[in-house]
């Protein structure tokens, strides 16, 4: 679903900006600001290798480019992704595969 208000973007939402379409992979509250981790989609709405972090503000989404903020945010999003992959592997292995 496409959110009506960019502050309400949730995981798995697909939304459009002037720079293209994105899907939200994760979100976090960091230093009292909400950030979302997104994957840019191609023209067929398929994932690309282009990942970005946006800060959610009352004016809309702003791409986070400050390395001091990006480093801990990307570490968090990476840890969350690894946990999900471990859970998938455990589920797969527990089925005797």
C-alpha atoms as a PDB file:
ATOM      1  CA  UNK A   1       0.000   0.000   0.000  1.00  0.00           C
ATOM      2  CA  UNK A   2       1.130   3.556  -0.587  1.00  0.00           C
ATOM      3  CA  UNK A   3       0.921   5.758   2.523  1.00  0.00           C
ATOM      4  CA  UNK A   4      -1.048   8.993   2.358  1.00  0.00           C
ATOM      5  CA  UNK A   5       1.311  10.825   4.714  1.00  0.00           C
ATOM      6  CA  UNK A   6       5.075  10.247   4.499  1.00  0.00           C
ATOM      7  CA  UNK A   7       5.343  10.357   8.311  1.00  0.00           C
ATOM      8  CA  UNK A   8       3.130   7.263   8.383  1.00  0.00           C
ATOM      9  CA  UNK A   9       5.379   5.125   6.176  1.00  0.00           C
ATOM     10  CA  UNK A  10       5.533   1.598   7.607  1.00  0.00           C
ATOM     11  CA  UNK A  11       7.508  -1.552   6.836  1.00  0.00           C
ATOM     12  CA  UNK A  12       6.691  -3.055   3.445  1.00  0.00           C
ATOM     13  CA  UNK A  13       5.054   0.179   2.203  1.00  0.00           C
ATOM     14  CA  UNK A  14       5.904   1.170  -1.354  1.00  0.00           C
ATOM     15  CA  UNK A  15       6.014   4.911  -1.900  1.00  0.00           C
ATOM     16  CA  UNK A  16       7.008   7.339  -4.640  1.00  0.00           C
ATOM     17  CA  UNK A  17       9.306  10.344  -4.485  1.00  0.00           C
ATOM     18  CA  UNK A  18      10.574  12.510  -7.312  1.00  0.00           C
ATOM     19  CA  UNK A  19      13.696  10.305  -7.333  1.00  0.00           C
ATOM     20  CA  UNK A  20      11.753   7.053  -7.817  1.00  0.00           C
ATOM     21  CA  UNK A  21       9.832   4.316  -6.005  1.00  0.00           C
ATOM     22  CA  UNK A  22      10.982   2.758  -2.740  1.00  0.00           C
ATOM     23  CA  UNK A  23       9.985  -0.039  -0.381  1.00  0.00           C
ATOM     24  CA  UNK A  24      10.423   0.372   3.369  1.00  0.00           C
ATOM     25  CA  UNK A  25      12.479  -2.458   4.889  1.00  0.00           C
ATOM     26  CA  UNK A  26      12.767  -1.293   8.506  1.00  0.00           C
ATOM     27  CA  UNK A  27      12.406   1.699  10.794  1.00  0.00           C
ATOM     28  CA  UNK A  28      13.881   2.947  14.069  1.00  0.00           C
ATOM     29  CA  UNK A  29      13.598   5.842  16.509  1.00  0.00           C
ATOM     30  CA  UNK A  30      17.098   7.327  16.957  1.00  0.00           C
ATOM     31  CA  UNK A  31      17.884  10.488  18.922  1.00  0.00           C
ATOM     32  CA  UNK A  32      14.155  11.291  19.028  1.00  0.00           C
ATOM     33  CA  UNK A  33      13.890  11.161  15.227  1.00  0.00           C
ATOM     34  CA  UNK A  34      12.284   8.395  13.168  1.00  0.00           C
ATOM     35  CA  UNK A  35      14.359   6.879  10.358  1.00  0.00           C
ATOM     36  CA  UNK A  36      13.410   4.376   7.685  1.00  0.00           C
ATOM     37  CA  UNK A  37      15.679   2.009   5.759  1.00  0.00           C
ATOM     38  CA  UNK A  38      14.516   1.650   2.161  1.00  0.00           C
ATOM     39  CA  UNK A  39      15.363  -0.139  -1.054  1.00  0.00           C
ATOM     40  CA  UNK A  40      14.922   1.720  -4.340  1.00  0.00           C
ATOM     41  CA  UNK A  41      12.777  -0.170  -6.831  1.00  0.00           C
ATOM     42  CA  UNK A  42      13.273  -0.334 -10.581  1.00  0.00           C
ATOM     43  CA  UNK A  43      10.591   0.574 -13.140  1.00  0.00           C
ATOM     44  CA  UNK A  44       9.017  -2.897 -12.680  1.00  0.00           C
ATOM     45  CA  UNK A  45       8.929  -2.394  -8.877  1.00  0.00           C
ATOM     46  CA  UNK A  46      11.686  -4.978  -8.416  1.00  0.00           C
ATOM     47  CA  UNK A  47      14.416  -4.432  -5.766  1.00  0.00           C
ATOM     48  CA  UNK A  48      17.718  -2.859  -6.785  1.00  0.00           C
ATOM     49  CA  UNK A  49      21.112  -2.674  -5.055  1.00  0.00           C
ATOM     50  CA  UNK A  50      20.339   0.912  -4.011  1.00  0.00           C
ATOM     51  CA  UNK A  51      19.606   1.235  -0.256  1.00  0.00           C
ATOM     52  CA  UNK A  52      18.963   4.534   1.519  1.00  0.00           C
ATOM     53  CA  UNK A  53      18.085   5.901   4.950  1.00  0.00           C
ATOM     54  CA  UNK A  54      15.466   8.627   5.212  1.00  0.00           C
ATOM     55  CA  UNK A  55      14.616  10.775   8.207  1.00  0.00           C
ATOM     56  CA  UNK A  56      10.854  11.238   8.670  1.00  0.00           C
ATOM     57  CA  UNK A  57      10.019  14.895   9.313  1.00  0.00           C
ATOM     58  CA  UNK A  58       6.837  16.957   9.368  1.00  0.00           C
ATOM     59  CA  UNK A  59       7.905  18.302   5.948  1.00  0.00           C
ATOM     60  CA  UNK A  60       8.359  14.802   4.502  1.00  0.00           C
ATOM     61  CA  UNK A  61      11.228  12.377   3.998  1.00  0.00           C
ATOM     62  CA  UNK A  62      14.806  13.646   3.921  1.00  0.00           C
ATOM     63  CA  UNK A  63      17.655  11.408   2.790  1.00  0.00           C
ATOM     64  CA  UNK A  64      20.149  11.071   5.658  1.00  0.00           C
ATOM     65  CA  UNK A  65      23.660  11.818   4.400  1.00  0.00           C
ATOM     66  CA  UNK A  66      25.409  12.646   7.685  1.00  0.00           C
ATOM     67  CA  UNK A  67      27.980   9.859   8.240  1.00  0.00           C
ATOM     68  CA  UNK A  68      27.908  10.349  12.019  1.00  0.00           C
ATOM     69  CA  UNK A  69      24.208   9.471  12.010  1.00  0.00           C
ATOM     70  CA  UNK A  70      24.372   6.924   9.189  1.00  0.00           C
ATOM     71  CA  UNK A  71      26.975   4.697  10.861  1.00  0.00           C
ATOM     72  CA  UNK A  72      24.896   3.716  13.939  1.00  0.00           C
ATOM     73  CA  UNK A  73      21.701   3.593  11.889  1.00  0.00           C
ATOM     74  CA  UNK A  74      23.193   1.242   9.296  1.00  0.00           C
ATOM     75  CA  UNK A  75      24.685  -0.917  12.070  1.00  0.00           C
ATOM     76  CA  UNK A  76      21.224  -1.214  13.631  1.00  0.00           C
ATOM     77  CA  UNK A  77      19.496  -2.013  10.333  1.00  0.00           C
ATOM     78  CA  UNK A  78      22.224  -4.544   9.506  1.00  0.00           C
ATOM     79  CA  UNK A  79      21.815  -6.292  12.881  1.00  0.00           C
ATOM     80  CA  UNK A  80      18.048  -6.486  12.361  1.00  0.00           C
ATOM     81  CA  UNK A  81      18.482  -7.964   8.875  1.00  0.00           C
ATOM     82  CA  UNK A  82      20.967 -10.548  10.193  1.00  0.00           C
ATOM     83  CA  UNK A  83      18.538 -11.571  12.954  1.00  0.00           C
ATOM     84  CA  UNK A  84      15.809 -12.102  10.357  1.00  0.00           C
ATOM     85  CA  UNK A  85      18.142 -14.189   8.185  1.00  0.00           C
ATOM     86  CA  UNK A  86      19.173 -16.297  11.196  1.00  0.00           C
ATOM     87  CA  UNK A  87      15.507 -16.907  12.054  1.00  0.00           C
ATOM     88  CA  UNK A  88      14.793 -17.960   8.471  1.00  0.00           C
ATOM     89  CA  UNK A  89      17.797 -20.328   8.514  1.00  0.00           C
ATOM     90  CA  UNK A  90      16.724 -21.813  11.866  1.00  0.00           C
ATOM     91  CA  UNK A  91      13.173 -22.344  10.613  1.00  0.00           C
ATOM     92  CA  UNK A  92      14.465 -23.951   7.426  1.00  0.00           C
ATOM     93  CA  UNK A  93      16.900 -26.214   9.303  1.00  0.00           C
ATOM     94  CA  UNK A  94      14.335 -27.236  11.923  1.00  0.00           C
ATOM     95  CA  UNK A  95      12.176 -28.700   9.159  1.00  0.00           C
ATOM     96  CA  UNK A  96      14.884 -31.225   8.431  1.00  0.00           C
ATOM     97  CA  UNK A  97      16.019 -29.607   5.188  1.00  0.00           C
END
